[in-house]
């Protein structure tokens, strides 16, 4: 079974990836608007909320890598930190359906959460994907059982706290995949997991893959 060939999932991936390709234009428009406005300090919405128009999705190649990692390992419980609009959620959700497992995904932005909830239904993944809305450091405290794969793709400064939260739940041999680790805010995570002898880490582009040896 290859759920990535499912017409429902394929159609949603095609739609989302086309939208994500416009992020560059959105960044340019945001920058132009900021330059046109006088600087305002200590006001406005939380930075996480201000990112609402950006898709910030994985590439098609990265998505297939995530699917392959979860599917080939037979992961039964996959946790995703930072779904955004759900591109990686579809790849990991497809793998969860094909292994008979589940994906627990998280997102803090309320508009994105509404979009993801609808996406999960349209893609037919509602039996295998659970969305937790809110601060993942709180919502993931209730995850039960062992975690076979952890995908980090949310706020980079939270990578290390998220690892510390989830490490006691990782199954021996579990995989931790962290995207965009070249971001300055991810540096504490990169240093910590490199120094942790429980993990064997390698890099694929700007994604780090770490095997938890127990």
N, C-alpha and C. Protein backbone atom coordinates (compact mmCIF):
# COMPACT_ATOMS: atom_id res chain seq x y z
N UNK A 1 0.84 -1.20 0.00
CA UNK A 1 0.00 0.00 0.00
C UNK A 1 0.88 1.25 0.00
N UNK A 2 0.55 2.19 -0.86
CA UNK A 2 1.28 3.45 -0.94
C UNK A 2 0.27 4.59 -0.91
N UNK A 3 0.05 5.14 0.27
CA UNK A 3 -0.97 6.17 0.39
C UNK A 3 -0.60 7.47 -0.31
N UNK A 4 0.68 7.64 -0.65
CA UNK A 4 1.05 8.84 -1.40
C UNK A 4 0.46 8.84 -2.81
N UNK A 5 0.02 7.67 -3.27
CA UNK A 5 -0.63 7.59 -4.58
C UNK A 5 -2.14 7.77 -4.48
N UNK A 6 -2.65 7.89 -3.27
CA UNK A 6 -4.08 8.12 -3.07
C UNK A 6 -4.46 9.46 -3.72
N UNK A 7 -5.45 9.48 -4.60
CA UNK A 7 -5.81 10.74 -5.28
C UNK A 7 -6.18 11.87 -4.33
N UNK A 8 -6.79 11.55 -3.20
CA UNK A 8 -7.17 12.59 -2.25
C UNK A 8 -5.93 13.25 -1.63
N UNK A 9 -4.98 12.41 -1.23
CA UNK A 9 -3.75 12.94 -0.63
C UNK A 9 -2.91 13.66 -1.68
N UNK A 10 -2.83 13.08 -2.87
CA UNK A 10 -2.05 13.69 -3.94
C UNK A 10 -2.58 15.07 -4.29
N UNK A 11 -3.90 15.20 -4.37
CA UNK A 11 -4.51 16.48 -4.72
C UNK A 11 -4.21 17.54 -3.66
N UNK A 12 -4.28 17.14 -2.40
CA UNK A 12 -4.00 18.10 -1.32
C UNK A 12 -2.52 18.50 -1.31
N UNK A 13 -1.64 17.55 -1.54
CA UNK A 13 -0.21 17.88 -1.60
C UNK A 13 0.10 18.84 -2.74
N UNK A 14 -0.50 18.58 -3.90
CA UNK A 14 -0.27 19.46 -5.04
C UNK A 14 -0.74 20.88 -4.73
N UNK A 15 -1.91 20.99 -4.12
CA UNK A 15 -2.46 22.30 -3.79
C UNK A 15 -1.57 23.04 -2.78
N UNK A 16 -1.18 22.34 -1.72
CA UNK A 16 -0.38 22.97 -0.68
C UNK A 16 1.01 23.37 -1.18
N UNK A 17 1.61 22.53 -2.00
CA UNK A 17 2.94 22.84 -2.48
C UNK A 17 2.94 24.03 -3.43
N UNK A 18 1.85 24.20 -4.19
CA UNK A 18 1.73 25.39 -5.03
C UNK A 18 1.60 26.64 -4.17
N UNK A 19 0.85 26.55 -3.10
CA UNK A 19 0.70 27.68 -2.20
C UNK A 19 2.03 27.99 -1.49
N UNK A 20 2.72 26.94 -1.07
CA UNK A 20 4.00 27.13 -0.37
C UNK A 20 5.04 27.78 -1.26
N UNK A 21 4.95 27.53 -2.56
CA UNK A 21 5.91 28.12 -3.49
C UNK A 21 5.80 29.64 -3.55
N UNK A 22 4.70 30.18 -3.05
CA UNK A 22 4.48 31.63 -3.05
C UNK A 22 5.00 32.29 -1.78
N UNK A 23 5.60 31.52 -0.89
CA UNK A 23 6.11 32.11 0.36
C UNK A 23 7.14 33.20 0.12
N UNK A 24 7.95 33.04 -0.93
CA UNK A 24 8.93 34.06 -1.24
C UNK A 24 8.27 35.41 -1.51
N UNK A 25 7.18 35.40 -2.25
CA UNK A 25 6.45 36.62 -2.53
C UNK A 25 5.83 37.19 -1.25
N UNK A 26 5.37 36.29 -0.38
CA UNK A 26 4.79 36.75 0.88
C UNK A 26 5.85 37.42 1.75
N UNK A 27 7.06 36.84 1.78
CA UNK A 27 8.14 37.46 2.55
C UNK A 27 8.48 38.84 2.00
N UNK A 28 8.52 38.97 0.68
CA UNK A 28 8.84 40.26 0.08
C UNK A 28 7.78 41.30 0.42
N UNK A 29 6.52 40.89 0.36
CA UNK A 29 5.43 41.80 0.70
C UNK A 29 5.49 42.19 2.16
N UNK A 30 5.81 41.23 3.04
CA UNK A 30 5.93 41.54 4.47
C UNK A 30 7.06 42.54 4.71
N UNK A 31 8.20 42.31 4.06
CA UNK A 31 9.35 43.20 4.25
C UNK A 31 9.04 44.61 3.76
N UNK A 32 8.37 44.69 2.61
CA UNK A 32 8.03 46.01 2.07
C UNK A 32 7.07 46.75 2.99
N UNK A 33 6.12 46.03 3.55
CA UNK A 33 5.16 46.65 4.46
C UNK A 33 5.85 47.13 5.73
N UNK A 34 6.79 46.35 6.23
CA UNK A 34 7.50 46.74 7.44
C UNK A 34 8.35 47.99 7.21
N UNK A 35 8.96 48.07 6.03
CA UNK A 35 9.79 49.22 5.72
C UNK A 35 8.96 50.49 5.55
N UNK A 36 7.71 50.32 5.16
CA UNK A 36 6.83 51.47 4.94
C UNK A 36 6.19 51.97 6.23
N UNK A 37 6.27 51.17 7.28
CA UNK A 37 5.63 51.54 8.53
C UNK A 37 6.68 51.99 9.55
N UNK A 38 6.34 52.90 10.44
CA UNK A 38 7.29 53.28 11.49
C UNK A 38 7.47 52.12 12.45
N UNK A 39 8.69 51.91 12.99
CA UNK A 39 8.93 50.79 13.91
C UNK A 39 8.12 50.95 15.19
N UNK A 40 7.55 49.84 15.64
CA UNK A 40 6.78 49.82 16.87
C UNK A 40 7.35 48.74 17.77
N UNK A 41 7.66 49.07 19.00
CA UNK A 41 8.27 48.12 19.92
C UNK A 41 7.26 47.63 20.94
N UNK A 42 7.44 46.32 21.29
CA UNK A 42 6.66 45.72 22.37
C UNK A 42 5.16 45.85 22.16
N UNK A 43 4.71 45.65 20.94
CA UNK A 43 3.28 45.66 20.67
C UNK A 43 2.99 44.69 19.55
N UNK A 44 1.71 44.42 19.33
CA UNK A 44 1.32 43.51 18.27
C UNK A 44 1.26 42.09 18.76
N UNK A 45 0.81 41.19 17.89
CA UNK A 45 0.65 39.80 18.27
C UNK A 45 1.96 39.08 18.48
N UNK A 46 1.88 37.94 19.12
CA UNK A 46 3.03 37.08 19.34
C UNK A 46 3.68 36.74 18.00
N UNK A 47 5.03 36.64 17.94
CA UNK A 47 5.69 36.31 16.67
C UNK A 47 5.17 35.04 16.03
N UNK A 48 4.79 34.05 16.82
CA UNK A 48 4.25 32.82 16.27
C UNK A 48 2.98 33.08 15.49
N UNK A 49 2.13 33.97 16.02
CA UNK A 49 0.87 34.27 15.37
C UNK A 49 1.09 35.11 14.12
N UNK A 50 2.12 35.95 14.14
CA UNK A 50 2.38 36.80 12.98
C UNK A 50 2.88 36.01 11.79
N UNK A 51 3.19 34.74 11.94
CA UNK A 51 3.66 33.91 10.84
C UNK A 51 2.50 33.22 10.12
N UNK A 52 1.29 33.62 10.39
CA UNK A 52 0.13 32.88 9.93
C UNK A 52 -0.04 32.76 8.43
N UNK A 53 0.47 33.73 7.66
CA UNK A 53 0.26 33.65 6.21
C UNK A 53 1.30 32.78 5.51
N UNK A 54 2.33 32.36 6.21
CA UNK A 54 3.41 31.60 5.59
C UNK A 54 3.20 30.10 5.74
N UNK A 55 3.46 29.36 4.65
CA UNK A 55 3.27 27.91 4.67
C UNK A 55 4.44 27.19 5.32
N UNK A 56 5.67 27.65 5.06
CA UNK A 56 6.85 27.11 5.75
C UNK A 56 6.91 25.59 5.65
N UNK A 57 6.56 25.07 4.48
CA UNK A 57 6.45 23.62 4.34
C UNK A 57 7.73 22.96 3.89
N UNK A 58 7.82 21.66 4.10
CA UNK A 58 8.94 20.89 3.58
C UNK A 58 8.83 20.79 2.07
N UNK A 59 9.95 20.57 1.42
CA UNK A 59 9.93 20.34 -0.03
C UNK A 59 9.37 18.96 -0.32
N UNK A 60 9.06 18.72 -1.60
CA UNK A 60 8.55 17.41 -1.99
C UNK A 60 9.58 16.31 -1.68
N UNK A 61 10.86 16.61 -1.92
CA UNK A 61 11.90 15.62 -1.65
C UNK A 61 12.01 15.34 -0.15
N UNK A 62 11.94 16.40 0.66
CA UNK A 62 11.98 16.22 2.11
C UNK A 62 10.76 15.44 2.60
N UNK A 63 9.62 15.73 2.00
CA UNK A 63 8.41 15.01 2.39
C UNK A 63 8.50 13.53 2.09
N UNK A 64 9.03 13.19 0.92
CA UNK A 64 9.20 11.77 0.58
C UNK A 64 10.20 11.11 1.51
N UNK A 65 11.25 11.86 1.90
CA UNK A 65 12.21 11.32 2.86
C UNK A 65 11.51 10.99 4.18
N UNK A 66 10.68 11.91 4.66
CA UNK A 66 9.96 11.67 5.91
C UNK A 66 9.05 10.45 5.79
N UNK A 67 8.35 10.35 4.66
CA UNK A 67 7.50 9.17 4.44
C UNK A 67 8.34 7.90 4.48
N UNK A 68 9.44 7.90 3.75
CA UNK A 68 10.29 6.70 3.69
C UNK A 68 10.82 6.31 5.07
N UNK A 69 11.23 7.31 5.84
CA UNK A 69 11.77 7.02 7.17
C UNK A 69 10.72 6.41 8.08
N UNK A 70 9.54 7.00 8.07
CA UNK A 70 8.47 6.48 8.93
C UNK A 70 7.95 5.14 8.43
N UNK A 71 7.81 5.00 7.14
CA UNK A 71 7.25 3.77 6.57
C UNK A 71 8.22 2.61 6.69
N UNK A 72 9.47 2.84 6.32
CA UNK A 72 10.44 1.73 6.32
C UNK A 72 10.74 1.23 7.72
N UNK A 73 10.61 2.12 8.71
CA UNK A 73 10.85 1.71 10.10
C UNK A 73 9.62 1.12 10.76
N UNK A 74 8.49 1.17 10.05
CA UNK A 74 7.26 0.64 10.62
C UNK A 74 6.77 1.43 11.82
N UNK A 75 7.07 2.72 11.86
CA UNK A 75 6.72 3.54 13.02
C UNK A 75 5.23 3.47 13.33
N UNK A 76 4.93 3.19 14.59
CA UNK A 76 3.54 3.11 15.02
C UNK A 76 3.04 4.42 15.63
N UNK A 77 3.94 5.16 16.24
CA UNK A 77 3.58 6.48 16.78
C UNK A 77 4.62 7.49 16.32
N UNK A 78 4.14 8.45 15.54
CA UNK A 78 4.99 9.54 15.05
C UNK A 78 4.46 10.83 15.66
N UNK A 79 5.35 11.67 16.16
CA UNK A 79 4.97 12.96 16.71
C UNK A 79 5.61 14.05 15.86
N UNK A 80 4.79 15.03 15.49
CA UNK A 80 5.27 16.16 14.68
C UNK A 80 5.11 17.45 15.48
N UNK A 81 6.20 18.18 15.62
CA UNK A 81 6.17 19.49 16.27
C UNK A 81 6.17 20.57 15.20
N UNK A 82 5.02 21.21 15.00
CA UNK A 82 4.92 22.30 14.04
C UNK A 82 4.41 21.84 12.69
N UNK A 83 3.08 21.76 12.55
CA UNK A 83 2.49 21.28 11.30
C UNK A 83 2.40 22.37 10.24
N UNK A 84 2.33 23.63 10.66
CA UNK A 84 2.05 24.76 9.77
C UNK A 84 0.74 24.46 9.02
N UNK A 85 0.77 24.47 7.68
CA UNK A 85 -0.47 24.19 6.94
C UNK A 85 -0.60 22.72 6.54
N UNK A 86 0.36 21.88 6.94
CA UNK A 86 0.11 20.45 6.85
C UNK A 86 0.79 19.68 5.74
N UNK A 87 1.80 20.25 5.07
CA UNK A 87 2.47 19.48 4.01
C UNK A 87 3.18 18.27 4.60
N UNK A 88 4.02 18.49 5.60
CA UNK A 88 4.69 17.35 6.24
C UNK A 88 3.69 16.44 6.94
N UNK A 89 2.60 17.01 7.42
CA UNK A 89 1.56 16.21 8.06
C UNK A 89 0.98 15.19 7.10
N UNK A 90 0.80 15.58 5.85
CA UNK A 90 0.27 14.63 4.85
C UNK A 90 1.26 13.51 4.58
N UNK A 91 2.53 13.84 4.43
CA UNK A 91 3.53 12.79 4.18
C UNK A 91 3.62 11.82 5.36
N UNK A 92 3.68 12.36 6.56
CA UNK A 92 3.78 11.50 7.75
C UNK A 92 2.46 10.79 8.02
N UNK A 93 1.35 11.46 7.76
CA UNK A 93 0.06 10.81 7.93
C UNK A 93 -0.14 9.66 6.96
N UNK A 94 0.34 9.83 5.73
CA UNK A 94 0.26 8.74 4.75
C UNK A 94 1.07 7.54 5.23
N UNK A 95 2.26 7.80 5.78
CA UNK A 95 3.08 6.71 6.31
C UNK A 95 2.38 6.03 7.48
N UNK A 96 1.76 6.84 8.35
CA UNK A 96 1.06 6.26 9.50
C UNK A 96 -0.08 5.36 9.04
N UNK A 97 -0.81 5.78 8.02
CA UNK A 97 -1.88 4.92 7.52
C UNK A 97 -1.32 3.63 6.95
N UNK A 98 -0.20 3.71 6.26
CA UNK A 98 0.37 2.52 5.62
C UNK A 98 1.00 1.56 6.62
N UNK A 99 1.42 2.05 7.78
CA UNK A 99 1.97 1.16 8.81
C UNK A 99 0.90 0.72 9.82
N UNK A 100 -0.31 1.29 9.67
CA UNK A 100 -1.35 1.00 10.66
C UNK A 100 -1.11 1.73 11.97
N UNK A 101 -0.33 2.81 11.91
CA UNK A 101 0.01 3.55 13.12
C UNK A 101 -0.75 4.84 13.23
N UNK A 102 -0.14 5.81 13.92
CA UNK A 102 -0.80 7.10 14.13
C UNK A 102 0.24 8.21 14.11
N UNK A 103 -0.22 9.38 13.69
CA UNK A 103 0.56 10.60 13.74
C UNK A 103 -0.11 11.55 14.71
N UNK A 104 0.66 12.05 15.67
CA UNK A 104 0.19 13.11 16.56
C UNK A 104 0.90 14.37 16.12
N UNK A 105 0.15 15.33 15.60
CA UNK A 105 0.76 16.55 15.10
C UNK A 105 0.31 17.74 15.93
N UNK A 106 1.11 18.79 15.91
CA UNK A 106 0.86 19.95 16.77
C UNK A 106 0.95 21.24 15.97
N UNK A 107 0.17 22.21 16.38
CA UNK A 107 0.25 23.54 15.78
C UNK A 107 -0.35 24.55 16.76
N UNK A 108 0.27 25.73 16.84
CA UNK A 108 -0.18 26.74 17.79
C UNK A 108 -1.07 27.79 17.15
N UNK A 109 -0.90 28.03 15.84
CA UNK A 109 -1.65 29.10 15.18
C UNK A 109 -3.10 28.66 14.96
N UNK A 110 -4.08 29.40 15.47
CA UNK A 110 -5.48 28.94 15.38
C UNK A 110 -6.00 28.83 13.95
N UNK A 111 -5.61 29.75 13.06
CA UNK A 111 -6.08 29.65 11.68
C UNK A 111 -5.49 28.42 10.99
N UNK A 112 -4.23 28.15 11.27
CA UNK A 112 -3.61 26.96 10.69
C UNK A 112 -4.25 25.69 11.24
N UNK A 113 -4.60 25.71 12.51
CA UNK A 113 -5.25 24.53 13.10
C UNK A 113 -6.58 24.23 12.43
N UNK A 114 -7.34 25.28 12.16
CA UNK A 114 -8.62 25.07 11.46
C UNK A 114 -8.38 24.50 10.07
N UNK A 115 -7.38 25.02 9.37
CA UNK A 115 -7.07 24.52 8.03
C UNK A 115 -6.60 23.07 8.08
N UNK A 116 -5.78 22.73 9.06
CA UNK A 116 -5.27 21.36 9.17
C UNK A 116 -6.39 20.38 9.49
N UNK A 117 -7.29 20.76 10.38
CA UNK A 117 -8.40 19.87 10.73
C UNK A 117 -9.23 19.54 9.50
N UNK A 118 -9.48 20.54 8.66
CA UNK A 118 -10.21 20.30 7.42
C UNK A 118 -9.39 19.46 6.44
N UNK A 119 -8.10 19.72 6.40
CA UNK A 119 -7.20 18.98 5.51
C UNK A 119 -7.20 17.49 5.85
N UNK A 120 -7.11 17.18 7.11
CA UNK A 120 -7.08 15.78 7.55
C UNK A 120 -8.33 15.05 7.08
N UNK A 121 -9.47 15.71 7.17
CA UNK A 121 -10.72 15.10 6.73
C UNK A 121 -10.74 14.92 5.22
N UNK A 122 -10.38 15.96 4.48
CA UNK A 122 -10.42 15.86 3.02
C UNK A 122 -9.48 14.79 2.50
N UNK A 123 -8.33 14.61 3.16
CA UNK A 123 -7.35 13.62 2.72
C UNK A 123 -7.70 12.21 3.18
N UNK A 124 -8.72 12.07 4.01
CA UNK A 124 -9.13 10.75 4.48
C UNK A 124 -8.18 10.16 5.51
N UNK A 125 -7.52 11.01 6.29
CA UNK A 125 -6.53 10.54 7.26
C UNK A 125 -7.01 10.65 8.70
N UNK A 126 -8.30 10.90 8.89
CA UNK A 126 -8.82 11.16 10.23
C UNK A 126 -8.66 9.99 11.19
N UNK A 127 -8.52 8.78 10.67
CA UNK A 127 -8.35 7.61 11.55
C UNK A 127 -6.90 7.43 12.00
N UNK A 128 -6.00 8.20 11.40
CA UNK A 128 -4.57 7.99 11.69
C UNK A 128 -3.83 9.26 12.10
N UNK A 129 -4.50 10.41 12.08
CA UNK A 129 -3.84 11.67 12.42
C UNK A 129 -4.64 12.39 13.50
N UNK A 130 -3.96 12.76 14.57
CA UNK A 130 -4.56 13.53 15.65
C UNK A 130 -3.87 14.88 15.73
N UNK A 131 -4.66 15.96 15.72
CA UNK A 131 -4.13 17.31 15.81
C UNK A 131 -4.30 17.83 17.23
N UNK A 132 -3.20 18.31 17.81
CA UNK A 132 -3.23 18.96 19.12
C UNK A 132 -2.98 20.44 18.93
N UNK A 133 -3.94 21.26 19.31
CA UNK A 133 -3.82 22.71 19.13
C UNK A 133 -3.30 23.37 20.40
N UNK A 134 -2.35 24.29 20.23
CA UNK A 134 -1.82 25.02 21.38
C UNK A 134 -0.32 24.83 21.52
N UNK A 135 0.18 25.20 22.68
CA UNK A 135 1.60 25.09 23.01
C UNK A 135 1.99 23.62 23.09
N UNK A 136 2.83 23.18 22.16
CA UNK A 136 3.18 21.76 22.09
C UNK A 136 3.90 21.28 23.34
N UNK A 137 4.59 22.17 24.02
CA UNK A 137 5.26 21.77 25.26
C UNK A 137 4.25 21.39 26.33
N UNK A 138 3.02 21.83 26.17
CA UNK A 138 1.95 21.45 27.08
C UNK A 138 1.11 20.32 26.50
N UNK A 139 0.70 20.45 25.24
CA UNK A 139 -0.23 19.47 24.66
C UNK A 139 0.40 18.09 24.52
N UNK A 140 1.72 18.03 24.31
CA UNK A 140 2.37 16.73 24.11
C UNK A 140 2.67 16.01 25.42
N UNK A 141 2.44 16.67 26.53
CA UNK A 141 2.65 15.99 27.81
C UNK A 141 1.71 14.81 27.98
N UNK A 142 0.59 14.84 27.27
CA UNK A 142 -0.39 13.78 27.41
C UNK A 142 -0.23 12.62 26.44
N UNK A 143 0.79 12.65 25.60
CA UNK A 143 1.00 11.56 24.64
C UNK A 143 1.33 10.27 25.38
N UNK A 144 0.58 9.23 25.08
CA UNK A 144 0.77 7.95 25.76
C UNK A 144 1.55 6.98 24.89
N UNK A 145 2.27 6.08 25.52
CA UNK A 145 3.01 5.06 24.80
C UNK A 145 4.34 5.55 24.27
N UNK A 146 5.05 4.64 23.63
CA UNK A 146 6.36 4.94 23.09
C UNK A 146 6.25 5.67 21.75
N UNK A 147 7.18 6.58 21.51
CA UNK A 147 7.24 7.33 20.26
C UNK A 147 8.34 6.76 19.40
N UNK A 148 8.00 6.40 18.16
CA UNK A 148 8.96 5.77 17.25
C UNK A 148 9.67 6.78 16.36
N UNK A 149 9.04 7.94 16.15
CA UNK A 149 9.66 8.97 15.32
C UNK A 149 9.17 10.32 15.78
N UNK A 150 10.10 11.27 15.89
CA UNK A 150 9.80 12.64 16.29
C UNK A 150 10.31 13.56 15.20
N UNK A 151 9.42 14.39 14.66
CA UNK A 151 9.81 15.34 13.63
C UNK A 151 9.68 16.75 14.19
N UNK A 152 10.80 17.48 14.20
CA UNK A 152 10.85 18.83 14.72
C UNK A 152 10.89 19.82 13.57
N UNK A 153 9.84 20.65 13.46
CA UNK A 153 9.79 21.62 12.37
C UNK A 153 9.01 22.86 12.78
N UNK A 154 8.98 23.13 14.08
CA UNK A 154 8.30 24.32 14.58
C UNK A 154 9.29 25.41 14.90
N UNK A 155 9.01 26.19 15.93
CA UNK A 155 9.89 27.28 16.35
C UNK A 155 11.24 26.72 16.76
N UNK A 156 12.31 27.17 16.11
CA UNK A 156 13.62 26.54 16.26
C UNK A 156 14.17 26.62 17.69
N UNK A 157 13.86 27.70 18.39
CA UNK A 157 14.36 27.84 19.76
C UNK A 157 13.71 26.84 20.70
N UNK A 158 12.65 26.18 20.24
CA UNK A 158 11.97 25.18 21.07
C UNK A 158 12.40 23.76 20.76
N UNK A 159 13.32 23.58 19.82
CA UNK A 159 13.77 22.23 19.47
C UNK A 159 14.34 21.50 20.69
N UNK A 160 15.22 22.17 21.43
CA UNK A 160 15.85 21.52 22.57
C UNK A 160 14.85 21.24 23.69
N UNK A 161 14.00 22.20 24.09
CA UNK A 161 12.98 21.86 25.08
C UNK A 161 12.05 20.73 24.62
N UNK A 162 11.76 20.69 23.32
CA UNK A 162 10.90 19.62 22.82
C UNK A 162 11.61 18.27 22.92
N UNK A 163 12.89 18.24 22.59
CA UNK A 163 13.65 17.00 22.72
C UNK A 163 13.68 16.54 24.16
N UNK A 164 13.90 17.47 25.07
CA UNK A 164 13.95 17.12 26.50
C UNK A 164 12.61 16.59 26.99
N UNK A 165 11.52 17.13 26.45
CA UNK A 165 10.19 16.65 26.83
C UNK A 165 9.94 15.25 26.31
N UNK A 166 10.32 15.00 25.06
CA UNK A 166 9.95 13.75 24.40
C UNK A 166 10.95 12.62 24.61
N UNK A 167 12.19 12.93 24.99
CA UNK A 167 13.22 11.89 25.12
C UNK A 167 12.78 10.73 26.01
N UNK A 168 12.13 10.97 27.16
CA UNK A 168 11.72 9.82 27.99
C UNK A 168 10.67 8.94 27.32
N UNK A 169 10.03 9.44 26.26
CA UNK A 169 8.99 8.69 25.57
C UNK A 169 9.51 7.97 24.33
N UNK A 170 10.76 8.23 23.95
CA UNK A 170 11.29 7.63 22.73
C UNK A 170 11.56 6.14 22.91
N UNK A 171 11.13 5.36 21.93
CA UNK A 171 11.43 3.93 21.94
C UNK A 171 12.88 3.71 21.53
N UNK A 172 13.52 2.66 22.00
CA UNK A 172 14.87 2.35 21.51
C UNK A 172 14.86 2.20 19.99
N UNK A 173 15.78 2.88 19.34
CA UNK A 173 15.81 2.87 17.88
C UNK A 173 14.96 3.95 17.25
N UNK A 174 14.29 4.77 18.06
CA UNK A 174 13.46 5.84 17.52
C UNK A 174 14.31 6.85 16.76
N UNK A 175 13.67 7.49 15.79
CA UNK A 175 14.34 8.49 14.97
C UNK A 175 13.85 9.88 15.33
N UNK A 176 14.79 10.81 15.47
CA UNK A 176 14.46 12.22 15.64
C UNK A 176 14.95 12.96 14.40
N UNK A 177 14.03 13.58 13.68
CA UNK A 177 14.38 14.36 12.49
C UNK A 177 14.12 15.82 12.79
N UNK A 178 15.12 16.67 12.63
CA UNK A 178 14.99 18.10 12.91
C UNK A 178 15.31 18.88 11.65
N UNK A 179 14.34 19.66 11.18
CA UNK A 179 14.51 20.40 9.93
C UNK A 179 15.07 21.79 10.21
N UNK A 180 15.73 22.35 9.19
CA UNK A 180 16.25 23.73 9.24
C UNK A 180 17.19 23.96 10.41
N UNK A 181 18.06 23.00 10.67
CA UNK A 181 18.98 23.13 11.80
C UNK A 181 20.09 24.13 11.54
N UNK A 182 20.16 24.67 10.31
CA UNK A 182 21.13 25.71 10.03
C UNK A 182 20.67 27.06 10.57
N UNK A 183 19.45 27.12 11.05
CA UNK A 183 18.93 28.35 11.66
C UNK A 183 19.65 28.61 12.98
N UNK A 184 20.02 29.86 13.22
CA UNK A 184 20.78 30.20 14.42
C UNK A 184 20.07 29.76 15.70
N UNK A 185 18.75 29.86 15.72
CA UNK A 185 18.00 29.52 16.93
C UNK A 185 18.03 28.03 17.25
N UNK A 186 18.40 27.20 16.27
CA UNK A 186 18.48 25.76 16.49
C UNK A 186 19.84 25.33 17.05
N UNK A 187 20.78 26.26 17.18
CA UNK A 187 22.14 25.91 17.60
C UNK A 187 22.20 25.18 18.94
N UNK A 188 21.43 25.59 19.97
CA UNK A 188 21.49 24.84 21.23
C UNK A 188 21.05 23.38 21.07
N UNK A 189 20.05 23.14 20.23
CA UNK A 189 19.62 21.77 19.96
C UNK A 189 20.73 20.98 19.28
N UNK A 190 21.32 21.57 18.26
CA UNK A 190 22.36 20.88 17.50
C UNK A 190 23.53 20.50 18.41
N UNK A 191 23.93 21.41 19.26
CA UNK A 191 25.05 21.14 20.17
C UNK A 191 24.69 20.07 21.19
N UNK A 192 23.46 20.13 21.71
CA UNK A 192 23.06 19.20 22.75
C UNK A 192 22.93 17.78 22.23
N UNK A 193 22.33 17.61 21.08
CA UNK A 193 22.11 16.24 20.59
C UNK A 193 23.42 15.64 20.08
N UNK A 194 24.34 16.49 19.60
CA UNK A 194 25.65 16.00 19.18
C UNK A 194 26.45 15.48 20.37
N UNK A 195 26.24 16.10 21.53
CA UNK A 195 26.99 15.72 22.73
C UNK A 195 26.33 14.58 23.50
N UNK A 196 25.11 14.25 23.15
CA UNK A 196 24.34 13.23 23.88
C UNK A 196 24.67 11.85 23.31
N UNK A 197 25.34 11.01 24.08
CA UNK A 197 25.79 9.71 23.58
C UNK A 197 24.65 8.73 23.37
N UNK A 198 23.45 9.10 23.75
CA UNK A 198 22.29 8.23 23.47
C UNK A 198 21.86 8.32 22.01
N UNK A 199 22.37 9.33 21.30
CA UNK A 199 21.95 9.56 19.92
C UNK A 199 23.13 9.42 18.96
N UNK A 200 22.85 8.87 17.79
CA UNK A 200 23.80 8.85 16.68
C UNK A 200 23.19 9.73 15.60
N UNK A 201 23.92 10.80 15.22
CA UNK A 201 23.35 11.85 14.39
C UNK A 201 24.11 11.99 13.08
N UNK A 202 23.35 12.22 12.02
CA UNK A 202 23.93 12.55 10.73
C UNK A 202 23.08 13.63 10.10
N UNK A 203 23.62 14.30 9.08
CA UNK A 203 22.91 15.40 8.44
C UNK A 203 22.58 15.06 6.99
N UNK A 204 21.39 15.48 6.57
CA UNK A 204 20.97 15.39 5.17
C UNK A 204 20.49 16.78 4.78
N UNK A 205 21.35 17.52 4.08
CA UNK A 205 21.03 18.91 3.80
C UNK A 205 20.95 19.69 5.10
N UNK A 206 19.84 20.42 5.28
CA UNK A 206 19.67 21.17 6.53
C UNK A 206 18.78 20.44 7.52
N UNK A 207 18.64 19.13 7.33
CA UNK A 207 17.90 18.29 8.27
C UNK A 207 18.86 17.36 8.99
N UNK A 208 18.73 17.25 10.30
CA UNK A 208 19.52 16.31 11.08
C UNK A 208 18.67 15.11 11.45
N UNK A 209 19.25 13.92 11.30
CA UNK A 209 18.59 12.68 11.65
C UNK A 209 19.37 12.04 12.78
N UNK A 210 18.68 11.75 13.87
CA UNK A 210 19.33 11.19 15.05
C UNK A 210 18.61 9.92 15.49
N UNK A 211 19.37 8.84 15.62
CA UNK A 211 18.82 7.59 16.11
C UNK A 211 19.00 7.51 17.61
N UNK A 212 17.91 7.28 18.32
CA UNK A 212 17.96 7.13 19.78
C UNK A 212 18.30 5.69 20.11
N UNK A 213 19.46 5.50 20.73
CA UNK A 213 19.93 4.15 20.99
C UNK A 213 19.47 3.62 22.35
N UNK A 214 18.81 4.46 23.13
CA UNK A 214 18.26 3.99 24.40
C UNK A 214 19.20 4.28 25.56
